[in-house]
Amino acid sequence: MPSRFETSWPRIYAVGDVRKGSVKRVASSVGEGSVVVSD
């Protein structure tokens, strides 16, 4: 199944404000952008 930030297309990820359910905060966007790299 898709990983936490992975979209319905494999190896395409969405982070920050463009993602459904994201917290619209700078710190949250930075966290998502950094964590997605392990995926």
All heavy atoms as atom14 arrays in JSON, in Angstrom:
{
  "sequence": "MPSRFETSWPRIYAVGDVRKGSVKRVASSVGEGSVVVSD",
  "atom14_mask": [
    [1, 1, 1, 1, 1, 1, 1, 1, 0, 0, 0, 0, 0, 0],
    [1, 1, 1, 1, 1, 1, 1, 0, 0, 0, 0, 0, 0, 0],
    [1, 1, 1, 1, 1, 1, 0, 0, 0, 0, 0, 0, 0, 0],
    [1, 1, 1, 1, 1, 1, 1, 1, 1, 1, 1, 0, 0, 0],
    [1, 1, 1, 1, 1, 1, 1, 1, 1, 1, 1, 0, 0, 0],
    [1, 1, 1, 1, 1, 1, 1, 1, 1, 0, 0, 0, 0, 0],
    [1, 1, 1, 1, 1, 1, 1, 0, 0, 0, 0, 0, 0, 0],
    [1, 1, 1, 1, 1, 1, 0, 0, 0, 0, 0, 0, 0, 0],
    [1, 1, 1, 1, 1, 1, 1, 1, 1, 1, 1, 1, 1, 1],
    [1, 1, 1, 1, 1, 1, 1, 0, 0, 0, 0, 0, 0, 0],
    [1, 1, 1, 1, 1, 1, 1, 1, 1, 1, 1, 0, 0, 0],
    [1, 1, 1, 1, 1, 1, 1, 1, 0, 0, 0, 0, 0, 0],
    [1, 1, 1, 1, 1, 1, 1, 1, 1, 1, 1, 1, 0, 0],
    [1, 1, 1, 1, 1, 0, 0, 0, 0, 0, 0, 0, 0, 0],
    [1, 1, 1, 1, 1, 1, 1, 0, 0, 0, 0, 0, 0, 0],
    [1, 1, 1, 1, 0, 0, 0, 0, 0, 0, 0, 0, 0, 0],
    [1, 1, 1, 1, 1, 1, 1, 1, 0, 0, 0, 0, 0, 0],
    [1, 1, 1, 1, 1, 1, 1, 0, 0, 0, 0, 0, 0, 0],
    [1, 1, 1, 1, 1, 1, 1, 1, 1, 1, 1, 0, 0, 0],
    [1, 1, 1, 1, 1, 1, 1, 1, 1, 0, 0, 0, 0, 0],
    [1, 1, 1, 1, 0, 0, 0, 0, 0, 0, 0, 0, 0, 0],
    [1, 1, 1, 1, 1, 1, 0, 0, 0, 0, 0, 0, 0, 0],
    [1, 1, 1, 1, 1, 1, 1, 0, 0, 0, 0, 0, 0, 0],
    [1, 1, 1, 1, 1, 1, 1, 1, 1, 0, 0, 0, 0, 0],
    [1, 1, 1, 1, 1, 1, 1, 1, 1, 1, 1, 0, 0, 0],
    [1, 1, 1, 1, 1, 1, 1, 0, 0, 0, 0, 0, 0, 0],
    [1, 1, 1, 1, 1, 0, 0, 0, 0, 0, 0, 0, 0, 0],
    [1, 1, 1, 1, 1, 1, 0, 0, 0, 0, 0, 0, 0, 0],
    [1, 1, 1, 1, 1, 1, 0, 0, 0, 0, 0, 0, 0, 0],
    [1, 1, 1, 1, 1, 1, 1, 0, 0, 0, 0, 0, 0, 0],
    [1, 1, 1, 1, 0, 0, 0, 0, 0, 0, 0, 0, 0, 0],
    [1, 1, 1, 1, 1, 1, 1, 1, 1, 0, 0, 0, 0, 0],
    [1, 1, 1, 1, 0, 0, 0, 0, 0, 0, 0, 0, 0, 0],
    [1, 1, 1, 1, 1, 1, 0, 0, 0, 0, 0, 0, 0, 0],
    [1, 1, 1, 1, 1, 1, 1, 0, 0, 0, 0, 0, 0, 0],
    [1, 1, 1, 1, 1, 1, 1, 0, 0, 0, 0, 0, 0, 0],
    [1, 1, 1, 1, 1, 1, 1, 0, 0, 0, 0, 0, 0, 0],
    [1, 1, 1, 1, 1, 1, 0, 0, 0, 0, 0, 0, 0, 0],
    [1, 1, 1, 1, 1, 1, 1, 1, 0, 0, 0, 0, 0, 0]
  ],
  "atom14_positions": [
    [[0.84, -1.19, 0.0], [0.0, 0.0, 0.0], [0.88, 1.25, 0.0], [2.07, 1.18, 0.33], [-0.91, -0.01, 1.23], [-1.86, -1.19, 1.3], [-3.05, -1.18, -0.06], [-4.17, 0.11, 0.51], [0.0, 0.0, 0.0], [0.0, 0.0, 0.0], [0.0, 0.0, 0.0], [0.0, 0.0, 0.0], [0.0, 0.0, 0.0], [0.0, 0.0, 0.0]],
    [[0.34, 2.39, -0.36], [1.14, 3.62, -0.34], [1.65, 3.94, 1.06], [0.95, 3.72, 2.05], [0.16, 4.7, -0.82], [-0.91, 3.96, -1.54], [-1.03, 2.64, -0.86], [0.0, 0.0, 0.0], [0.0, 0.0, 0.0], [0.0, 0.0, 0.0], [0.0, 0.0, 0.0], [0.0, 0.0, 0.0], [0.0, 0.0, 0.0], [0.0, 0.0, 0.0]],
    [[2.86, 4.46, 1.14], [3.4, 4.88, 2.43], [2.73, 6.19, 2.85], [1.91, 6.75, 2.12], [4.92, 5.04, 2.36], [5.28, 5.95, 1.34], [0.0, 0.0, 0.0], [0.0, 0.0, 0.0], [0.0, 0.0, 0.0], [0.0, 0.0, 0.0], [0.0, 0.0, 0.0], [0.0, 0.0, 0.0], [0.0, 0.0, 0.0], [0.0, 0.0, 0.0]],
    [[3.06, 6.7, 4.03], [2.3, 7.79, 4.66], [2.11, 9.03, 3.81], [1.05, 9.67, 3.85], [2.96, 8.16, 5.98], [4.45, 8.44, 5.85], [5.19, 8.33, 7.15], [6.59, 7.97, 6.91], [7.49, 7.86, 7.86], [7.15, 8.11, 9.11], [8.73, 7.52, 7.57], [0.0, 0.0, 0.0], [0.0, 0.0, 0.0], [0.0, 0.0, 0.0]],
    [[3.13, 9.43, 3.02], [3.01, 10.63, 2.2], [2.96, 10.31, 0.71], [3.03, 11.22, -0.12], [4.17, 11.6, 2.48], [4.23, 12.05, 3.91], [5.36, 11.79, 4.69], [3.16, 12.7, 4.5], [5.42, 12.19, 6.02], [3.21, 13.11, 5.82], [4.33, 12.86, 6.59], [0.0, 0.0, 0.0], [0.0, 0.0, 0.0], [0.0, 0.0, 0.0]],
    [[2.83, 9.04, 0.38], [2.82, 8.61, -1.01], [1.42, 8.77, -1.59], [0.42, 8.49, -0.94], [3.27, 7.16, -1.11], [3.69, 6.72, -2.5], [4.42, 5.39, -2.47], [4.3, 4.66, -1.46], [5.13, 5.08, -3.45], [0.0, 0.0, 0.0], [0.0, 0.0, 0.0], [0.0, 0.0, 0.0], [0.0, 0.0, 0.0], [0.0, 0.0, 0.0]],
    [[1.36, 9.23, -2.82], [0.08, 9.42, -3.51], [-0.38, 8.11, -4.14], [0.2, 7.06, -3.9], [0.22, 10.5, -4.6], [1.04, 9.97, -5.67], [0.86, 11.76, -4.05], [0.0, 0.0, 0.0], [0.0, 0.0, 0.0], [0.0, 0.0, 0.0], [0.0, 0.0, 0.0], [0.0, 0.0, 0.0], [0.0, 0.0, 0.0], [0.0, 0.0, 0.0]],
    [[-1.41, 8.19, -4.97], [-1.92, 7.0, -5.65], [-1.04, 6.58, -6.83], [-1.35, 5.6, -7.5], [-3.35, 7.25, -6.13], [-3.42, 8.43, -6.92], [0.0, 0.0, 0.0], [0.0, 0.0, 0.0], [0.0, 0.0, 0.0], [0.0, 0.0, 0.0], [0.0, 0.0, 0.0], [0.0, 0.0, 0.0], [0.0, 0.0, 0.0], [0.0, 0.0, 0.0]],
    [[0.03, 7.33, -7.08], [1.04, 6.92, -8.05], [2.32, 6.59, -7.28], [2.8, 7.42, -6.51], [1.31, 8.04, -9.06], [0.26, 8.12, -10.15], [-1.04, 7.75, -10.05], [0.46, 8.62, -11.47], [-1.69, 8.0, -11.23], [-0.79, 8.53, -12.13], [1.55, 9.15, -12.15], [-0.97, 8.94, -13.45], [1.37, 9.57, -13.47], [0.12, 9.44, -14.11]],
    [[2.88, 5.39, -7.47], [4.07, 4.99, -6.71], [5.22, 5.97, -6.86], [5.48, 6.5, -7.96], [4.44, 3.63, -7.33], [3.16, 3.12, -7.9], [2.43, 4.34, -8.39], [0.0, 0.0, 0.0], [0.0, 0.0, 0.0], [0.0, 0.0, 0.0], [0.0, 0.0, 0.0], [0.0, 0.0, 0.0], [0.0, 0.0, 0.0], [0.0, 0.0, 0.0]],
    [[5.88, 6.27, -5.75], [7.06, 7.12, -5.68], [6.78, 8.58, -6.03], [7.7, 9.34, -6.3], [8.21, 6.57, -6.55], [8.7, 5.19, -6.12], [9.84, 4.71, -6.97], [9.56, 4.77, -8.4], [8.75, 3.93, -9.05], [8.16, 2.94, -8.4], [8.55, 4.08, -10.34], [0.0, 0.0, 0.0], [0.0, 0.0, 0.0], [0.0, 0.0, 0.0]],
    [[5.51, 8.96, -6.03], [5.16, 10.38, -6.07], [4.54, 10.71, -4.72], [3.58, 10.05, -4.29], [4.18, 10.73, -7.21], [4.85, 10.5, -8.56], [3.73, 12.18, -7.09], [4.02, 10.95, -9.75], [0.0, 0.0, 0.0], [0.0, 0.0, 0.0], [0.0, 0.0, 0.0], [0.0, 0.0, 0.0], [0.0, 0.0, 0.0], [0.0, 0.0, 0.0]],
    [[5.1, 11.7, -4.05], [4.72, 12.03, -2.68], [4.17, 13.45, -2.62], [4.51, 14.3, -3.45], [5.93, 11.9, -1.74], [6.59, 10.55, -1.83], [7.53, 10.27, -2.83], [6.28, 9.54, -0.93], [8.13, 9.01, -2.93], [6.87, 8.28, -1.02], [7.79, 8.03, -2.02], [8.37, 6.79, -2.11], [0.0, 0.0, 0.0], [0.0, 0.0, 0.0]],
    [[3.34, 13.71, -1.64], [2.81, 15.06, -1.43], [3.08, 15.47, 0.0], [2.79, 14.71, 0.94], [1.3, 15.1, -1.72], [0.0, 0.0, 0.0], [0.0, 0.0, 0.0], [0.0, 0.0, 0.0], [0.0, 0.0, 0.0], [0.0, 0.0, 0.0], [0.0, 0.0, 0.0], [0.0, 0.0, 0.0], [0.0, 0.0, 0.0], [0.0, 0.0, 0.0]],
    [[3.64, 16.66, 0.17], [3.94, 17.18, 1.51], [3.51, 18.63, 1.62], [3.41, 19.35, 0.62], [5.45, 17.05, 1.84], [5.92, 15.61, 1.78], [6.29, 17.93, 0.91], [0.0, 0.0, 0.0], [0.0, 0.0, 0.0], [0.0, 0.0, 0.0], [0.0, 0.0, 0.0], [0.0, 0.0, 0.0], [0.0, 0.0, 0.0], [0.0, 0.0, 0.0]],
    [[3.25, 19.06, 2.83], [2.91, 20.45, 3.07], [1.47, 20.79, 2.72], [0.59, 19.91, 2.71], [0.0, 0.0, 0.0], [0.0, 0.0, 0.0], [0.0, 0.0, 0.0], [0.0, 0.0, 0.0], [0.0, 0.0, 0.0], [0.0, 0.0, 0.0], [0.0, 0.0, 0.0], [0.0, 0.0, 0.0], [0.0, 0.0, 0.0], [0.0, 0.0, 0.0]],
    [[1.22, 22.04, 2.4], [-0.14, 22.55, 2.24], [-0.93, 21.86, 1.13], [-2.16, 21.85, 1.16], [-0.11, 24.05, 1.95], [0.33, 24.86, 3.15], [0.56, 24.25, 4.22], [0.46, 26.09, 3.02], [0.0, 0.0, 0.0], [0.0, 0.0, 0.0], [0.0, 0.0, 0.0], [0.0, 0.0, 0.0], [0.0, 0.0, 0.0], [0.0, 0.0, 0.0]],
    [[-0.25, 21.29, 0.15], [-0.95, 20.67, -0.98], [-1.58, 19.34, -0.6], [-2.47, 18.84, -1.3], [0.03, 20.48, -2.16], [0.97, 19.3, -1.9], [-0.7, 20.31, -3.47], [0.0, 0.0, 0.0], [0.0, 0.0, 0.0], [0.0, 0.0, 0.0], [0.0, 0.0, 0.0], [0.0, 0.0, 0.0], [0.0, 0.0, 0.0], [0.0, 0.0, 0.0]],
    [[-1.19, 18.78, 0.52], [-1.64, 17.44, 0.92], [-2.91, 17.51, 1.75], [-3.03, 18.34, 2.65], [-0.53, 16.74, 1.72], [-0.82, 15.28, 2.04], [0.34, 14.66, 2.77], [0.48, 15.2, 4.12], [-0.23, 14.78, 5.17], [-1.12, 13.81, 5.03], [-0.03, 15.32, 6.35], [0.0, 0.0, 0.0], [0.0, 0.0, 0.0], [0.0, 0.0, 0.0]],
    [[-3.85, 16.64, 1.47], [-5.08, 16.56, 2.26], [-4.74, 16.2, 3.7], [-3.97, 15.29, 3.98], [-6.01, 15.48, 1.69], [-7.23, 15.17, 2.58], [-8.08, 14.08, 1.99], [-9.09, 13.56, 3.01], [-9.98, 14.59, 3.54], [0.0, 0.0, 0.0], [0.0, 0.0, 0.0], [0.0, 0.0, 0.0], [0.0, 0.0, 0.0], [0.0, 0.0, 0.0]],
    [[-5.33, 16.94, 4.64], [-5.15, 16.64, 6.06], [-3.89, 17.2, 6.66], [-3.65, 16.98, 7.86], [0.0, 0.0, 0.0], [0.0, 0.0, 0.0], [0.0, 0.0, 0.0], [0.0, 0.0, 0.0], [0.0, 0.0, 0.0], [0.0, 0.0, 0.0], [0.0, 0.0, 0.0], [0.0, 0.0, 0.0], [0.0, 0.0, 0.0], [0.0, 0.0, 0.0]],
    [[-3.09, 17.93, 5.9], [-1.87, 18.48, 6.48], [-2.2, 19.62, 7.43], [-3.21, 20.31, 7.28], [-0.93, 19.0, 5.38], [-1.5, 20.1, 4.71], [0.0, 0.0, 0.0], [0.0, 0.0, 0.0], [0.0, 0.0, 0.0], [0.0, 0.0, 0.0], [0.0, 0.0, 0.0], [0.0, 0.0, 0.0], [0.0, 0.0, 0.0], [0.0, 0.0, 0.0]],
    [[-1.35, 19.79, 8.42], [-1.49, 20.92, 9.34], [-0.82, 22.12, 8.69], [0.35, 22.08, 8.35], [-0.84, 20.6, 10.7], [-0.94, 21.81, 11.63], [-1.5, 19.4, 11.33], [0.0, 0.0, 0.0], [0.0, 0.0, 0.0], [0.0, 0.0, 0.0], [0.0, 0.0, 0.0], [0.0, 0.0, 0.0], [0.0, 0.0, 0.0], [0.0, 0.0, 0.0]],
    [[-1.56, 23.19, 8.51], [-1.04, 24.35, 7.77], [-0.13, 25.19, 8.67], [-0.47, 26.28, 9.11], [-2.2, 25.18, 7.22], [-3.17, 24.38, 6.34], [-2.46, 23.74, 5.17], [-3.43, 23.08, 4.19], [-3.95, 21.8, 4.66], [0.0, 0.0, 0.0], [0.0, 0.0, 0.0], [0.0, 0.0, 0.0], [0.0, 0.0, 0.0], [0.0, 0.0, 0.0]],
    [[1.03, 24.62, 8.97], [2.04, 25.27, 9.79], [3.4, 25.04, 9.15], [3.65, 23.99, 8.53], [2.06, 24.71, 11.22], [0.78, 24.92, 12.01], [0.62, 26.36, 12.45], [-0.53, 26.52, 13.33], [-1.77, 26.73, 12.95], [-2.04, 26.78, 11.66], [-2.75, 26.88, 13.82], [0.0, 0.0, 0.0], [0.0, 0.0, 0.0], [0.0, 0.0, 0.0]],
    [[4.3, 25.98, 9.3], [5.63, 25.86, 8.73], [6.35, 24.63, 9.28], [6.94, 23.84, 8.54], [6.46, 27.13, 8.99], [7.91, 26.93, 8.57], [5.86, 28.31, 8.24], [0.0, 0.0, 0.0], [0.0, 0.0, 0.0], [0.0, 0.0, 0.0], [0.0, 0.0, 0.0], [0.0, 0.0, 0.0], [0.0, 0.0, 0.0], [0.0, 0.0, 0.0]],
    [[6.29, 24.46, 10.6], [7.0, 23.35, 11.23], [6.49, 22.01, 10.72], [7.27, 21.07, 10.51], [6.85, 23.43, 12.75], [0.0, 0.0, 0.0], [0.0, 0.0, 0.0], [0.0, 0.0, 0.0], [0.0, 0.0, 0.0], [0.0, 0.0, 0.0], [0.0, 0.0, 0.0], [0.0, 0.0, 0.0], [0.0, 0.0, 0.0], [0.0, 0.0, 0.0]],
    [[5.17, 21.9, 10.51], [4.6, 20.66, 10.01], [5.07, 20.37, 8.6], [5.44, 19.23, 8.27], [3.07, 20.75, 10.05], [2.49, 19.59, 9.5], [0.0, 0.0, 0.0], [0.0, 0.0, 0.0], [0.0, 0.0, 0.0], [0.0, 0.0, 0.0], [0.0, 0.0, 0.0], [0.0, 0.0, 0.0], [0.0, 0.0, 0.0], [0.0, 0.0, 0.0]],
    [[5.09, 21.39, 7.74], [5.56, 21.2, 6.37], [7.02, 20.78, 6.33], [7.41, 19.9, 5.56], [5.37, 22.49, 5.56], [4.01, 22.8, 5.41], [0.0, 0.0, 0.0], [0.0, 0.0, 0.0], [0.0, 0.0, 0.0], [0.0, 0.0, 0.0], [0.0, 0.0, 0.0], [0.0, 0.0, 0.0], [0.0, 0.0, 0.0], [0.0, 0.0, 0.0]],
    [[7.84, 21.41, 7.16], [9.26, 21.04, 7.24], [9.4, 19.59, 7.71], [10.22, 18.83, 7.17], [10.02, 22.0, 8.18], [11.43, 21.48, 8.46], [10.09, 23.39, 7.57], [0.0, 0.0, 0.0], [0.0, 0.0, 0.0], [0.0, 0.0, 0.0], [0.0, 0.0, 0.0], [0.0, 0.0, 0.0], [0.0, 0.0, 0.0], [0.0, 0.0, 0.0]],
    [[8.6, 19.22, 8.7], [8.65, 17.84, 9.19], [8.28, 16.83, 8.11], [8.97, 15.82, 7.94], [0.0, 0.0, 0.0], [0.0, 0.0, 0.0], [0.0, 0.0, 0.0], [0.0, 0.0, 0.0], [0.0, 0.0, 0.0], [0.0, 0.0, 0.0], [0.0, 0.0, 0.0], [0.0, 0.0, 0.0], [0.0, 0.0, 0.0], [0.0, 0.0, 0.0]],
    [[7.22, 17.12, 7.36], [6.8, 16.2, 6.31], [7.87, 16.11, 5.21], [8.17, 15.03, 4.71], [5.47, 16.66, 5.71], [4.29, 16.52, 6.68], [2.97, 16.9, 6.04], [2.93, 17.08, 4.8], [1.97, 17.0, 6.77], [0.0, 0.0, 0.0], [0.0, 0.0, 0.0], [0.0, 0.0, 0.0], [0.0, 0.0, 0.0], [0.0, 0.0, 0.0]],
    [[8.43, 17.27, 4.83], [9.44, 17.27, 3.79], [10.7, 16.51, 4.17], [11.36, 15.91, 3.32], [0.0, 0.0, 0.0], [0.0, 0.0, 0.0], [0.0, 0.0, 0.0], [0.0, 0.0, 0.0], [0.0, 0.0, 0.0], [0.0, 0.0, 0.0], [0.0, 0.0, 0.0], [0.0, 0.0, 0.0], [0.0, 0.0, 0.0], [0.0, 0.0, 0.0]],
    [[11.03, 16.52, 5.46], [12.23, 15.8, 5.9], [11.95, 14.3, 6.08], [12.75, 13.46, 5.66], [12.74, 16.39, 7.21], [11.75, 16.36, 8.22], [0.0, 0.0, 0.0], [0.0, 0.0, 0.0], [0.0, 0.0, 0.0], [0.0, 0.0, 0.0], [0.0, 0.0, 0.0], [0.0, 0.0, 0.0], [0.0, 0.0, 0.0], [0.0, 0.0, 0.0]],
    [[10.81, 13.98, 6.65], [10.49, 12.57, 6.92], [10.26, 11.78, 5.63], [10.59, 10.6, 5.55], [9.24, 12.48, 7.83], [8.72, 11.05, 7.89], [9.58, 12.97, 9.23], [0.0, 0.0, 0.0], [0.0, 0.0, 0.0], [0.0, 0.0, 0.0], [0.0, 0.0, 0.0], [0.0, 0.0, 0.0], [0.0, 0.0, 0.0], [0.0, 0.0, 0.0]],
    [[9.71, 12.43, 4.6], [9.38, 11.71, 3.37], [10.62, 11.12, 2.71], [10.53, 10.15, 1.94], [8.64, 12.65, 2.38], [9.59, 13.65, 1.74], [7.91, 11.85, 1.32], [0.0, 0.0, 0.0], [0.0, 0.0, 0.0], [0.0, 0.0, 0.0], [0.0, 0.0, 0.0], [0.0, 0.0, 0.0], [0.0, 0.0, 0.0], [0.0, 0.0, 0.0]],
    [[11.78, 11.65, 3.01], [13.0, 11.17, 2.36], [13.29, 9.72, 2.72], [13.77, 8.95, 1.88], [14.2, 12.08, 2.73], [15.5, 11.52, 2.16], [13.96, 13.49, 2.2], [0.0, 0.0, 0.0], [0.0, 0.0, 0.0], [0.0, 0.0, 0.0], [0.0, 0.0, 0.0], [0.0, 0.0, 0.0], [0.0, 0.0, 0.0], [0.0, 0.0, 0.0]],
    [[12.97, 9.31, 3.94], [13.19, 7.9, 4.3], [12.28, 6.99, 3.48], [12.68, 5.88, 3.08], [12.95, 7.69, 5.8], [11.59, 7.96, 6.14], [0.0, 0.0, 0.0], [0.0, 0.0, 0.0], [0.0, 0.0, 0.0], [0.0, 0.0, 0.0], [0.0, 0.0, 0.0], [0.0, 0.0, 0.0], [0.0, 0.0, 0.0], [0.0, 0.0, 0.0]],
    [[11.06, 7.43, 3.19], [10.16, 6.66, 2.35], [10.68, 6.58, 0.91], [10.55, 5.54, 0.25], [8.76, 7.29, 2.34], [8.1, 7.28, 3.71], [8.54, 6.49, 4.57], [7.16, 8.07, 3.92], [0.0, 0.0, 0.0], [0.0, 0.0, 0.0], [0.0, 0.0, 0.0], [0.0, 0.0, 0.0], [0.0, 0.0, 0.0], [0.0, 0.0, 0.0]]
  ]
}
